[in-house]
Amino acid sequence: MSDHKIFSMAFSKIYYLYVQKAERKKRTEEEVIQIICWLTAYSSDGLAHQVGGGNDLATFFAEAPTFNPNASLIKGLVCGVRVEELEDPLMRKIRYLDKLIDELAKGKSMEKILRS
């Protein structure tokens, strides 16, 4: 696995950036929590522990209870790169989450975001 700078960023910092992005677009922190829990199978309490625990993104994803099998349905561009074509599994997971938060900020319904 290559060592991207983002892998060592604090998950709590990224989490609060996601919340700020959502709230700027009139969405809620609860929706951000729902998305993260759907993707990673963390419980709300488990996610709160991760936010307060000081873990980096690599640890956050490594400790995730499981990864949603429907994540492979997430397709599209994030930062000019197709998420489905990323080879590094950790980077793909990070970009999946980025893509879901982007969809939230663009006003998509939670049903569509969560691939229901």
PDB file of N, CA and C in Angstrom:
ATOM      1  N   MET A   1       0.848  -1.173   0.000  1.00  0.00           N
ATOM      2  CA  MET A   1       0.000   0.000   0.000  1.00  0.00           C
ATOM      3  C   MET A   1       0.892   1.233   0.000  1.00  0.00           C
ATOM      4  N   SER A   2       0.619   2.170  -0.897  1.00  0.00           N
ATOM      5  CA  SER A   2       1.390   3.403  -0.921  1.00  0.00           C
ATOM      6  C   SER A   2       0.976   4.259   0.267  1.00  0.00           C
ATOM      7  N   ASP A   3       1.828   5.172   0.642  1.00  0.00           N
ATOM      8  CA  ASP A   3       1.606   5.950   1.851  1.00  0.00           C
ATOM      9  C   ASP A   3       1.143   7.359   1.485  1.00  0.00           C
ATOM     10  N   HIS A   4      -0.144   7.500   1.212  1.00  0.00           N
ATOM     11  CA  HIS A   4      -0.706   8.813   0.908  1.00  0.00           C
ATOM     12  C   HIS A   4      -0.839   9.614   2.193  1.00  0.00           C
ATOM     13  N   LYS A   5      -0.672  10.909   2.088  1.00  0.00           N
ATOM     14  CA  LYS A   5      -0.759  11.794   3.244  1.00  0.00           C
ATOM     15  C   LYS A   5      -2.133  11.707   3.921  1.00  0.00           C
ATOM     16  N   ILE A   6      -3.175  11.519   3.129  1.00  0.00           N
ATOM     17  CA  ILE A   6      -4.527  11.476   3.671  1.00  0.00           C
ATOM     18  C   ILE A   6      -4.731  10.298   4.626  1.00  0.00           C
ATOM     19  N   PHE A   7      -4.001   9.205   4.437  1.00  0.00           N
ATOM     20  CA  PHE A   7      -4.158   8.024   5.294  1.00  0.00           C
ATOM     21  C   PHE A   7      -3.855   8.349   6.758  1.00  0.00           C
ATOM     22  N   SER A   8      -2.944   9.292   6.987  1.00  0.00           N
ATOM     23  CA  SER A   8      -2.548   9.623   8.357  1.00  0.00           C
ATOM     24  C   SER A   8      -3.296  10.826   8.923  1.00  0.00           C
ATOM     25  N   MET A   9      -4.237  11.371   8.175  1.00  0.00           N
ATOM     26  CA  MET A   9      -5.029  12.497   8.688  1.00  0.00           C
ATOM     27  C   MET A   9      -5.998  11.994   9.757  1.00  0.00           C
ATOM     28  N   ALA A  10      -6.231  12.830  10.742  1.00  0.00           N
ATOM     29  CA  ALA A  10      -7.141  12.471  11.831  1.00  0.00           C
ATOM     30  C   ALA A  10      -8.557  12.323  11.292  1.00  0.00           C
ATOM     31  N   PHE A  11      -9.195  11.198  11.622  1.00  0.00           N
ATOM     32  CA  PHE A  11     -10.565  10.994  11.177  1.00  0.00           C
ATOM     33  C   PHE A  11     -11.478  12.086  11.710  1.00  0.00           C
ATOM     34  N   SER A  12     -11.253  12.526  12.941  1.00  0.00           N
ATOM     35  CA  SER A  12     -12.113  13.559  13.528  1.00  0.00           C
ATOM     36  C   SER A  12     -12.092  14.842  12.696  1.00  0.00           C
ATOM     37  N   LYS A  13     -10.937  15.194  12.160  1.00  0.00           N
ATOM     38  CA  LYS A  13     -10.832  16.395  11.328  1.00  0.00           C
ATOM     39  C   LYS A  13     -11.649  16.226  10.045  1.00  0.00           C
ATOM     40  N   ILE A  14     -11.509  15.082   9.404  1.00  0.00           N
ATOM     41  CA  ILE A  14     -12.254  14.802   8.176  1.00  0.00           C
ATOM     42  C   ILE A  14     -13.752  14.771   8.479  1.00  0.00           C
ATOM     43  N   TYR A  15     -14.120  14.144   9.586  1.00  0.00           N
ATOM     44  CA  TYR A  15     -15.529  14.055   9.980  1.00  0.00           C
ATOM     45  C   TYR A  15     -16.138  15.446  10.101  1.00  0.00           C
ATOM     46  N   TYR A  16     -15.468  16.343  10.805  1.00  0.00           N
ATOM     47  CA  TYR A  16     -16.017  17.691  10.986  1.00  0.00           C
ATOM     48  C   TYR A  16     -16.072  18.455   9.670  1.00  0.00           C
ATOM     49  N   LEU A  17     -15.151  18.203   8.757  1.00  0.00           N
ATOM     50  CA  LEU A  17     -15.225  18.815   7.429  1.00  0.00           C
ATOM     51  C   LEU A  17     -16.443  18.307   6.668  1.00  0.00           C
ATOM     52  N   TYR A  18     -16.733  17.011   6.793  1.00  0.00           N
ATOM     53  CA  TYR A  18     -17.933  16.443   6.171  1.00  0.00           C
ATOM     54  C   TYR A  18     -19.191  17.095   6.740  1.00  0.00           C
ATOM     55  N   VAL A  19     -19.237  17.249   8.048  1.00  0.00           N
ATOM     56  CA  VAL A  19     -20.411  17.849   8.696  1.00  0.00           C
ATOM     57  C   VAL A  19     -20.577  19.295   8.245  1.00  0.00           C
ATOM     58  N   GLN A  20     -19.480  20.053   8.213  1.00  0.00           N
ATOM     59  CA  GLN A  20     -19.551  21.447   7.768  1.00  0.00           C
ATOM     60  C   GLN A  20     -20.051  21.536   6.333  1.00  0.00           C
ATOM     61  N   LYS A  21     -19.559  20.676   5.473  1.00  0.00           N
ATOM     62  CA  LYS A  21     -19.985  20.678   4.069  1.00  0.00           C
ATOM     63  C   LYS A  21     -21.478  20.394   3.974  1.00  0.00           C
ATOM     64  N   ALA A  22     -21.941  19.413   4.718  1.00  0.00           N
ATOM     65  CA  ALA A  22     -23.361  19.062   4.704  1.00  0.00           C
ATOM     66  C   ALA A  22     -24.210  20.214   5.225  1.00  0.00           C
ATOM     67  N   GLU A  23     -23.806  20.812   6.325  1.00  0.00           N
ATOM     68  CA  GLU A  23     -24.596  21.883   6.932  1.00  0.00           C
ATOM     69  C   GLU A  23     -24.625  23.140   6.070  1.00  0.00           C
ATOM     70  N   ARG A  24     -23.551  23.403   5.332  1.00  0.00           N
ATOM     71  CA  ARG A  24     -23.559  24.548   4.404  1.00  0.00           C
ATOM     72  C   ARG A  24     -24.624  24.370   3.331  1.00  0.00           C
ATOM     73  N   LYS A  25     -24.934  23.119   3.015  1.00  0.00           N
ATOM     74  CA  LYS A  25     -25.928  22.811   1.984  1.00  0.00           C
ATOM     75  C   LYS A  25     -27.280  22.438   2.586  1.00  0.00           C
ATOM     76  N   LYS A  26     -27.483  22.850   3.851  1.00  0.00           N
ATOM     77  CA  LYS A  26     -28.769  22.630   4.542  1.00  0.00           C
ATOM     78  C   LYS A  26     -29.085  21.162   4.787  1.00  0.00           C
ATOM     79  N   ARG A  27     -28.064  20.352   4.943  1.00  0.00           N
ATOM     80  CA  ARG A  27     -28.231  18.951   5.347  1.00  0.00           C
ATOM     81  C   ARG A  27     -27.783  18.854   6.800  1.00  0.00           C
ATOM     82  N   THR A  28     -27.903  17.682   7.407  1.00  0.00           N
ATOM     83  CA  THR A  28     -27.661  17.584   8.842  1.00  0.00           C
ATOM     84  C   THR A  28     -26.496  16.650   9.190  1.00  0.00           C
ATOM     85  N   GLU A  29     -26.000  16.825  10.406  1.00  0.00           N
ATOM     86  CA  GLU A  29     -24.966  15.930  10.914  1.00  0.00           C
ATOM     87  C   GLU A  29     -25.514  14.515  11.023  1.00  0.00           C
ATOM     88  N   GLU A  30     -26.794  14.383  11.373  1.00  0.00           N
ATOM     89  CA  GLU A  30     -27.412  13.056  11.488  1.00  0.00           C
ATOM     90  C   GLU A  30     -27.353  12.312  10.152  1.00  0.00           C
ATOM     91  N   GLU A  31     -27.506  13.042   9.046  1.00  0.00           N
ATOM     92  CA  GLU A  31     -27.414  12.402   7.729  1.00  0.00           C
ATOM     93  C   GLU A  31     -25.984  11.948   7.447  1.00  0.00           C
ATOM     94  N   VAL A  32     -25.005  12.753   7.851  1.00  0.00           N
ATOM     95  CA  VAL A  32     -23.596  12.364   7.703  1.00  0.00           C
ATOM     96  C   VAL A  32     -23.333  11.097   8.512  1.00  0.00           C
ATOM     97  N   ILE A  33     -23.836  11.066   9.735  1.00  0.00           N
ATOM     98  CA  ILE A  33     -23.670   9.886  10.596  1.00  0.00           C
ATOM     99  C   ILE A  33     -24.310   8.665   9.944  1.00  0.00           C
ATOM    100  N   GLN A  34     -25.519   8.834   9.415  1.00  0.00           N
ATOM    101  CA  GLN A  34     -26.219   7.720   8.768  1.00  0.00           C
ATOM    102  C   GLN A  34     -25.407   7.174   7.595  1.00  0.00           C
ATOM    103  N   ILE A  35     -24.833   8.049   6.804  1.00  0.00           N
ATOM    104  CA  ILE A  35     -24.020   7.636   5.650  1.00  0.00           C
ATOM    105  C   ILE A  35     -22.786   6.861   6.110  1.00  0.00           C
ATOM    106  N   ILE A  36     -22.072   7.402   7.090  1.00  0.00           N
ATOM    107  CA  ILE A  36     -20.847   6.749   7.559  1.00  0.00           C
ATOM    108  C   ILE A  36     -21.177   5.390   8.170  1.00  0.00           C
ATOM    109  N   CYS A  37     -22.244   5.329   8.953  1.00  0.00           N
ATOM    110  CA  CYS A  37     -22.631   4.058   9.577  1.00  0.00           C
ATOM    111  C   CYS A  37     -23.079   3.039   8.529  1.00  0.00           C
ATOM    112  N   TRP A  38     -23.763   3.502   7.499  1.00  0.00           N
ATOM    113  CA  TRP A  38     -24.180   2.599   6.415  1.00  0.00           C
ATOM    114  C   TRP A  38     -22.958   2.003   5.717  1.00  0.00           C
ATOM    115  N   LEU A  39     -21.972   2.850   5.438  1.00  0.00           N
ATOM    116  CA  LEU A  39     -20.801   2.407   4.687  1.00  0.00           C
ATOM    117  C   LEU A  39     -19.891   1.489   5.504  1.00  0.00           C
ATOM    118  N   THR A  40     -19.747   1.782   6.791  1.00  0.00           N
ATOM    119  CA  THR A  40     -18.738   1.090   7.609  1.00  0.00           C
ATOM    120  C   THR A  40     -19.305   0.143   8.663  1.00  0.00           C
ATOM    121  N   ALA A  41     -20.600   0.166   8.886  1.00  0.00           N
ATOM    122  CA  ALA A  41     -21.289  -0.650   9.896  1.00  0.00           C
ATOM    123  C   ALA A  41     -20.944  -0.255  11.325  1.00  0.00           C
ATOM    124  N   TYR A  42     -20.336   0.917  11.524  1.00  0.00           N
ATOM    125  CA  TYR A  42     -20.177   1.410  12.890  1.00  0.00           C
ATOM    126  C   TYR A  42     -21.554   1.714  13.453  1.00  0.00           C
ATOM    127  N   SER A  43     -21.733   1.510  14.747  1.00  0.00           N
ATOM    128  CA  SER A  43     -22.932   1.991  15.432  1.00  0.00           C
ATOM    129  C   SER A  43     -22.720   3.488  15.685  1.00  0.00           C
ATOM    130  N   SER A  44     -23.770   4.171  16.087  1.00  0.00           N
ATOM    131  CA  SER A  44     -23.626   5.598  16.410  1.00  0.00           C
ATOM    132  C   SER A  44     -22.606   5.796  17.527  1.00  0.00           C
ATOM    133  N   ASP A  45     -22.659   4.919  18.531  1.00  0.00           N
ATOM    134  CA  ASP A  45     -21.702   5.012  19.636  1.00  0.00           C
ATOM    135  C   ASP A  45     -20.283   4.702  19.171  1.00  0.00           C
ATOM    136  N   GLY A  46     -20.158   3.696  18.316  1.00  0.00           N
ATOM    137  CA  GLY A  46     -18.847   3.344  17.783  1.00  0.00           C
ATOM    138  C   GLY A  46     -18.253   4.469  16.956  1.00  0.00           C
ATOM    139  N   LEU A  47     -19.101   5.131  16.186  1.00  0.00           N
ATOM    140  CA  LEU A  47     -18.643   6.261  15.380  1.00  0.00           C
ATOM    141  C   LEU A  47     -18.219   7.411  16.288  1.00  0.00           C
ATOM    142  N   ALA A  48     -19.014   7.686  17.331  1.00  0.00           N
ATOM    143  CA  ALA A  48     -18.660   8.748  18.277  1.00  0.00           C
ATOM    144  C   ALA A  48     -17.310   8.448  18.936  1.00  0.00           C
ATOM    145  N   HIS A  49     -17.071   7.185  19.246  1.00  0.00           N
ATOM    146  CA  HIS A  49     -15.783   6.779  19.825  1.00  0.00           C
ATOM    147  C   HIS A  49     -14.642   7.043  18.835  1.00  0.00           C
ATOM    148  N   GLN A  50     -14.865   6.748  17.568  1.00  0.00           N
ATOM    149  CA  GLN A  50     -13.843   6.986  16.544  1.00  0.00           C
ATOM    150  C   GLN A  50     -13.566   8.486  16.383  1.00  0.00           C
ATOM    151  N   VAL A  51     -14.613   9.289  16.414  1.00  0.00           N
ATOM    152  CA  VAL A  51     -14.447  10.739  16.265  1.00  0.00           C
ATOM    153  C   VAL A  51     -13.640  11.292  17.437  1.00  0.00           C
ATOM    154  N   GLY A  52     -13.914  10.797  18.636  1.00  0.00           N
ATOM    155  CA  GLY A  52     -13.211  11.293  19.818  1.00  0.00           C
ATOM    156  C   GLY A  52     -11.900  10.597  20.106  1.00  0.00           C
ATOM    157  N   GLY A  53     -11.617   9.523  19.403  1.00  0.00           N
ATOM    158  CA  GLY A  53     -10.458   8.701  19.729  1.00  0.00           C
ATOM    159  C   GLY A  53      -9.127   9.131  19.161  1.00  0.00           C
ATOM    160  N   GLY A  54      -9.113  10.027  18.219  1.00  0.00           N
ATOM    161  CA  GLY A  54      -7.851  10.486  17.660  1.00  0.00           C
ATOM    162  C   GLY A  54      -7.241   9.573  16.613  1.00  0.00           C
ATOM    163  N   ASN A  55      -8.017   8.618  16.110  1.00  0.00           N
ATOM    164  CA  ASN A  55      -7.490   7.711  15.087  1.00  0.00           C
ATOM    165  C   ASN A  55      -7.344   8.398  13.744  1.00  0.00           C
ATOM    166  N   ASP A  56      -6.418   7.888  12.943  1.00  0.00           N
ATOM    167  CA  ASP A  56      -6.281   8.397  11.581  1.00  0.00           C
ATOM    168  C   ASP A  56      -7.258   7.650  10.670  1.00  0.00           C
ATOM    169  N   LEU A  57      -7.341   8.079   9.416  1.00  0.00           N
ATOM    170  CA  LEU A  57      -8.284   7.451   8.481  1.00  0.00           C
ATOM    171  C   LEU A  57      -7.974   5.974   8.254  1.00  0.00           C
ATOM    172  N   ALA A  58      -6.703   5.637   8.172  1.00  0.00           N
ATOM    173  CA  ALA A  58      -6.332   4.225   7.958  1.00  0.00           C
ATOM    174  C   ALA A  58      -6.856   3.365   9.103  1.00  0.00           C
ATOM    175  N   THR A  59      -6.693   3.822  10.325  1.00  0.00           N
ATOM    176  CA  THR A  59      -7.168   3.080  11.494  1.00  0.00           C
ATOM    177  C   THR A  59      -8.688   3.043  11.523  1.00  0.00           C
ATOM    178  N   PHE A  60      -9.323   4.165  11.202  1.00  0.00           N
ATOM    179  CA  PHE A  60     -10.784   4.230  11.175  1.00  0.00           C
ATOM    180  C   PHE A  60     -11.352   3.133  10.270  1.00  0.00           C
ATOM    181  N   PHE A  61     -10.831   3.019   9.069  1.00  0.00           N
ATOM    182  CA  PHE A  61     -11.338   2.003   8.149  1.00  0.00           C
ATOM    183  C   PHE A  61     -10.893   0.595   8.546  1.00  0.00           C
ATOM    184  N   ALA A  62      -9.700   0.463   9.104  1.00  0.00           N
ATOM    185  CA  ALA A  62      -9.225  -0.854   9.532  1.00  0.00           C
ATOM    186  C   ALA A  62     -10.067  -1.409  10.683  1.00  0.00           C
ATOM    187  N   GLU A  63     -10.559  -0.530  11.541  1.00  0.00           N
ATOM    188  CA  GLU A  63     -11.352  -0.957  12.689  1.00  0.00           C
ATOM    189  C   GLU A  63     -12.852  -1.019  12.392  1.00  0.00           C
ATOM    190  N   ALA A  64     -13.250  -0.657  11.183  1.00  0.00           N
ATOM    191  CA  ALA A  64     -14.671  -0.701  10.833  1.00  0.00           C
ATOM    192  C   ALA A  64     -15.182  -2.132  10.964  1.00  0.00           C
ATOM    193  N   PRO A  65     -16.358  -2.304  11.567  1.00  0.00           N
ATOM    194  CA  PRO A  65     -16.896  -3.658  11.741  1.00  0.00           C
ATOM    195  C   PRO A  65     -16.983  -4.445  10.428  1.00  0.00           C
ATOM    196  N   THR A  66     -17.420  -3.790   9.375  1.00  0.00           N
ATOM    197  CA  THR A  66     -17.469  -4.398   8.049  1.00  0.00           C
ATOM    198  C   THR A  66     -17.616  -3.260   7.047  1.00  0.00           C
ATOM    199  N   PHE A  67     -17.541  -3.572   5.797  1.00  0.00           N
ATOM    200  CA  PHE A  67     -17.715  -2.559   4.767  1.00  0.00           C
ATOM    201  C   PHE A  67     -18.928  -2.967   3.943  1.00  0.00           C
ATOM    202  N   ASN A  68     -19.843  -2.050   3.729  1.00  0.00           N
ATOM    203  CA  ASN A  68     -21.099  -2.371   3.064  1.00  0.00           C
ATOM    204  C   ASN A  68     -20.844  -2.984   1.683  1.00  0.00           C
ATOM    205  N   PRO A  69     -21.416  -4.154   1.413  1.00  0.00           N
ATOM    206  CA  PRO A  69     -21.206  -4.793   0.110  1.00  0.00           C
ATOM    207  C   PRO A  69     -21.778  -3.980  -1.050  1.00  0.00           C
ATOM    208  N   ASN A  70     -22.743  -3.108  -0.773  1.00  0.00           N
ATOM    209  CA  ASN A  70     -23.305  -2.262  -1.829  1.00  0.00           C
ATOM    210  C   ASN A  70     -22.411  -1.072  -2.170  1.00  0.00           C
ATOM    211  N   ALA A  71     -21.292  -0.941  -1.477  1.00  0.00           N
ATOM    212  CA  ALA A  71     -20.363   0.149  -1.781  1.00  0.00           C
ATOM    213  C   ALA A  71     -19.873   0.064  -3.222  1.00  0.00           C
ATOM    214  N   SER A  72     -19.834  -1.135  -3.763  1.00  0.00           N
ATOM    215  CA  SER A  72     -19.384  -1.294  -5.155  1.00  0.00           C
ATOM    216  C   SER A  72     -20.349  -0.637  -6.141  1.00  0.00           C
ATOM    217  N   LEU A  73     -21.544  -0.280  -5.676  1.00  0.00           N
ATOM    218  CA  LEU A  73     -22.503   0.429  -6.533  1.00  0.00           C
ATOM    219  C   LEU A  73     -22.196   1.920  -6.635  1.00  0.00           C
ATOM    220  N   ILE A  74     -21.278   2.396  -5.798  1.00  0.00           N
ATOM    221  CA  ILE A  74     -20.899   3.812  -5.819  1.00  0.00           C
ATOM    222  C   ILE A  74     -19.956   4.035  -6.985  1.00  0.00           C
ATOM    223  N   LYS A  75     -20.380   4.895  -7.869  1.00  0.00           N
ATOM    224  CA  LYS A  75     -19.580   5.164  -9.073  1.00  0.00           C
ATOM    225  C   LYS A  75     -19.530   6.669  -9.294  1.00  0.00           C
ATOM    226  N   GLY A  76     -18.523   7.112 -10.020  1.00  0.00           N
ATOM    227  CA  GLY A  76     -18.436   8.520 -10.372  1.00  0.00           C
ATOM    228  C   GLY A  76     -17.077   9.098 -10.079  1.00  0.00           C
ATOM    229  N   LEU A  77     -16.998  10.399 -10.253  1.00  0.00           N
ATOM    230  CA  LEU A  77     -15.739  11.113 -10.096  1.00  0.00           C
ATOM    231  C   LEU A  77     -15.641  11.789  -8.742  1.00  0.00           C
ATOM    232  N   VAL A  78     -14.463  11.693  -8.151  1.00  0.00           N
ATOM    233  CA  VAL A  78     -14.110  12.454  -6.958  1.00  0.00           C
ATOM    234  C   VAL A  78     -12.708  12.980  -7.229  1.00  0.00           C
ATOM    235  N   CYS A  79     -12.567  14.280  -7.176  1.00  0.00           N
ATOM    236  CA  CYS A  79     -11.265  14.911  -7.446  1.00  0.00           C
ATOM    237  C   CYS A  79     -10.730  14.497  -8.820  1.00  0.00           C
ATOM    238  N   GLY A  80     -11.617  14.335  -9.784  1.00  0.00           N
ATOM    239  CA  GLY A  80     -11.227  14.004 -11.140  1.00  0.00           C
ATOM    240  C   GLY A  80     -10.839  12.555 -11.375  1.00  0.00           C
ATOM    241  N   VAL A  81     -11.060  11.704 -10.383  1.00  0.00           N
ATOM    242  CA  VAL A  81     -10.686  10.295 -10.494  1.00  0.00           C
ATOM    243  C   VAL A  81     -11.942   9.445 -10.304  1.00  0.00           C
ATOM    244  N   ARG A  82     -12.104   8.435 -11.135  1.00  0.00           N
ATOM    245  CA  ARG A  82     -13.240   7.516 -10.989  1.00  0.00           C
ATOM    246  C   ARG A  82     -13.006   6.628  -9.781  1.00  0.00           C
ATOM    247  N   VAL A  83     -13.924   6.676  -8.824  1.00  0.00           N
ATOM    248  CA  VAL A  83     -13.741   5.904  -7.588  1.00  0.00           C
ATOM    249  C   VAL A  83     -13.688   4.412  -7.852  1.00  0.00           C
ATOM    250  N   GLU A  84     -14.451   3.947  -8.825  1.00  0.00           N
ATOM    251  CA  GLU A  84     -14.489   2.510  -9.094  1.00  0.00           C
ATOM    252  C   GLU A  84     -13.202   2.002  -9.742  1.00  0.00           C
ATOM    253  N   GLU A  85     -12.340   2.901 -10.203  1.00  0.00           N
ATOM    254  CA  GLU A  85     -11.099   2.491 -10.855  1.00  0.00           C
ATOM    255  C   GLU A  85      -9.867   2.589  -9.947  1.00  0.00           C
ATOM    256  N   LEU A  86     -10.048   3.066  -8.734  1.00  0.00           N
ATOM    257  CA  LEU A  86      -8.915   3.175  -7.811  1.00  0.00           C
ATOM    258  C   LEU A  86      -8.424   1.787  -7.420  1.00  0.00           C
ATOM    259  N   GLU A  87      -7.130   1.579  -7.479  1.00  0.00           N
ATOM    260  CA  GLU A  87      -6.562   0.272  -7.176  1.00  0.00           C
ATOM    261  C   GLU A  87      -6.301   0.076  -5.695  1.00  0.00           C
ATOM    262  N   ASP A  88      -5.885   1.126  -4.995  1.00  0.00           N
ATOM    263  CA  ASP A  88      -5.587   1.016  -3.572  1.00  0.00           C
ATOM    264  C   ASP A  88      -6.902   0.883  -2.802  1.00  0.00           C
ATOM    265  N   PRO A  89      -7.100  -0.231  -2.087  1.00  0.00           N
ATOM    266  CA  PRO A  89      -8.378  -0.464  -1.396  1.00  0.00           C
ATOM    267  C   PRO A  89      -8.720   0.608  -0.355  1.00  0.00           C
ATOM    268  N   LEU A  90      -7.728   1.102   0.380  1.00  0.00           N
ATOM    269  CA  LEU A  90      -7.997   2.130   1.380  1.00  0.00           C
ATOM    270  C   LEU A  90      -8.393   3.444   0.714  1.00  0.00           C
ATOM    271  N   MET A  91      -7.683   3.818  -0.332  1.00  0.00           N
ATOM    272  CA  MET A  91      -8.021   5.056  -1.038  1.00  0.00           C
ATOM    273  C   MET A  91      -9.426   4.948  -1.634  1.00  0.00           C
ATOM    274  N   ARG A  92      -9.784   3.774  -2.144  1.00  0.00           N
ATOM    275  CA  ARG A  92     -11.118   3.570  -2.710  1.00  0.00           C
ATOM    276  C   ARG A  92     -12.184   3.778  -1.628  1.00  0.00           C
ATOM    277  N   LYS A  93     -11.949   3.233  -0.434  1.00  0.00           N
ATOM    278  CA  LYS A  93     -12.905   3.399   0.658  1.00  0.00           C
ATOM    279  C   LYS A  93     -13.051   4.867   1.047  1.00  0.00           C
ATOM    280  N   ILE A  94     -11.940   5.569   1.120  1.00  0.00           N
ATOM    281  CA  ILE A  94     -11.975   7.000   1.455  1.00  0.00           C
ATOM    282  C   ILE A  94     -12.758   7.758   0.393  1.00  0.00           C
ATOM    283  N   ARG A  95     -12.508   7.463  -0.862  1.00  0.00           N
ATOM    284  CA  ARG A  95     -13.200   8.161  -1.955  1.00  0.00           C
ATOM    285  C   ARG A  95     -14.666   7.772  -2.045  1.00  0.00           C
ATOM    286  N   TYR A  96     -15.006   6.541  -1.682  1.00  0.00           N
ATOM    287  CA  TYR A  96     -16.418   6.168  -1.599  1.00  0.00           C
ATOM    288  C   TYR A  96     -17.129   7.084  -0.605  1.00  0.00           C
ATOM    289  N   LEU A  97     -16.530   7.269   0.551  1.00  0.00           N
ATOM    290  CA  LEU A  97     -17.130   8.128   1.560  1.00  0.00           C
ATOM    291  C   LEU A  97     -17.209   9.573   1.066  1.00  0.00           C
ATOM    292  N   ASP A  98     -16.149  10.047   0.423  1.00  0.00           N
ATOM    293  CA  ASP A  98     -16.172  11.398  -0.159  1.00  0.00           C
ATOM    294  C   ASP A  98     -17.328  11.538  -1.144  1.00  0.00           C
ATOM    295  N   LYS A  99     -17.503  10.551  -1.992  1.00  0.00           N
ATOM    296  CA  LYS A  99     -18.548  10.582  -3.011  1.00  0.00           C
ATOM    297  C   LYS A  99     -19.938  10.636  -2.379  1.00  0.00           C
ATOM    298  N   LEU A 100     -20.150   9.848  -1.332  1.00  0.00           N
ATOM    299  CA  LEU A 100     -21.446   9.850  -0.660  1.00  0.00           C
ATOM    300  C   LEU A 100     -21.742  11.207  -0.025  1.00  0.00           C
ATOM    301  N   ILE A 101     -20.738  11.820   0.591  1.00  0.00           N
ATOM    302  CA  ILE A 101     -20.928  13.140   1.194  1.00  0.00           C
ATOM    303  C   ILE A 101     -21.167  14.187   0.103  1.00  0.00           C
ATOM    304  N   ASP A 102     -20.483  14.068  -1.034  1.00  0.00           N
ATOM    305  CA  ASP A 102     -20.734  14.968  -2.167  1.00  0.00           C
ATOM    306  C   ASP A 102     -22.183  14.851  -2.630  1.00  0.00           C
ATOM    307  N   GLU A 103     -22.684  13.622  -2.718  1.00  0.00           N
ATOM    308  CA  GLU A 103     -24.064  13.410  -3.147  1.00  0.00           C
ATOM    309  C   GLU A 103     -25.035  14.027  -2.148  1.00  0.00           C
ATOM    310  N   LEU A 104     -24.729  13.912  -0.870  1.00  0.00           N
ATOM    311  CA  LEU A 104     -25.559  14.533   0.161  1.00  0.00           C
ATOM    312  C   LEU A 104     -25.594  16.045  -0.027  1.00  0.00           C
ATOM    313  N   ALA A 105     -24.429  16.637  -0.227  1.00  0.00           N
ATOM    314  CA  ALA A 105     -24.330  18.086  -0.391  1.00  0.00           C
ATOM    315  C   ALA A 105     -25.023  18.567  -1.668  1.00  0.00           C
ATOM    316  N   LYS A 106     -25.109  17.696  -2.663  1.00  0.00           N
ATOM    317  CA  LYS A 106     -25.773  18.070  -3.914  1.00  0.00           C
ATOM    318  C   LYS A 106     -27.285  17.901  -3.850  1.00  0.00           C
ATOM    319  N   GLY A 107     -27.786  17.428  -2.708  1.00  0.00           N
ATOM    320  CA  GLY A 107     -29.220  17.362  -2.523  1.00  0.00           C
ATOM    321  C   GLY A 107     -29.885  16.049  -2.865  1.00  0.00           C
ATOM    322  N   LYS A 108     -29.107  15.005  -3.122  1.00  0.00           N
ATOM    323  CA  LYS A 108     -29.716  13.700  -3.413  1.00  0.00           C
ATOM    324  C   LYS A 108     -30.460  13.186  -2.189  1.00  0.00           C
ATOM    325  N   SER A 109     -31.457  12.383  -2.428  1.00  0.00           N
ATOM    326  CA  SER A 109     -32.205  11.791  -1.317  1.00  0.00           C
ATOM    327  C   SER A 109     -31.349  10.723  -0.649  1.00  0.00           C
ATOM    328  N   MET A 110     -31.621  10.498   0.629  1.00  0.00           N
ATOM    329  CA  MET A 110     -30.862   9.489   1.372  1.00  0.00           C
ATOM    330  C   MET A 110     -31.075   8.109   0.758  1.00  0.00           C
ATOM    331  N   GLU A 111     -32.255   7.851   0.236  1.00  0.00           N
ATOM    332  CA  GLU A 111     -32.548   6.556  -0.393  1.00  0.00           C
ATOM    333  C   GLU A 111     -31.589   6.298  -1.554  1.00  0.00           C
ATOM    334  N   LYS A 112     -31.358   7.316  -2.369  1.00  0.00           N
ATOM    335  CA  LYS A 112     -30.440   7.160  -3.504  1.00  0.00           C
ATOM    336  C   LYS A 112     -28.982   7.084  -3.037  1.00  0.00           C
ATOM    337  N   ILE A 113     -28.639   7.903  -2.053  1.00  0.00           N
ATOM    338  CA  ILE A 113     -27.257   7.907  -1.541  1.00  0.00           C
ATOM    339  C   ILE A 113     -26.901   6.533  -0.975  1.00  0.00           C
ATOM    340  N   LEU A 114     -27.835   5.928  -0.245  1.00  0.00           N
ATOM    341  CA  LEU A 114     -27.574   4.646   0.403  1.00  0.00           C
ATOM    342  C   LEU A 114     -27.873   3.457  -0.502  1.00  0.00           C
ATOM    343  N   ARG A 115     -28.062   3.738  -1.767  1.00  0.00           N
ATOM    344  CA  ARG A 115     -28.256   2.695  -2.792  1.00  0.00           C
ATOM    345  C   ARG A 115     -29.366   1.721  -2.393  1.00  0.00           C
ATOM    346  N   SER A 116     -30.478   2.276  -1.891  1.00  0.00           N
ATOM    347  CA  SER A 116     -31.614   1.449  -1.473  1.00  0.00           C
ATOM    348  C   SER A 116     -32.542   1.154  -2.636  1.00  0.00           C
TER     349      SER A 116
END
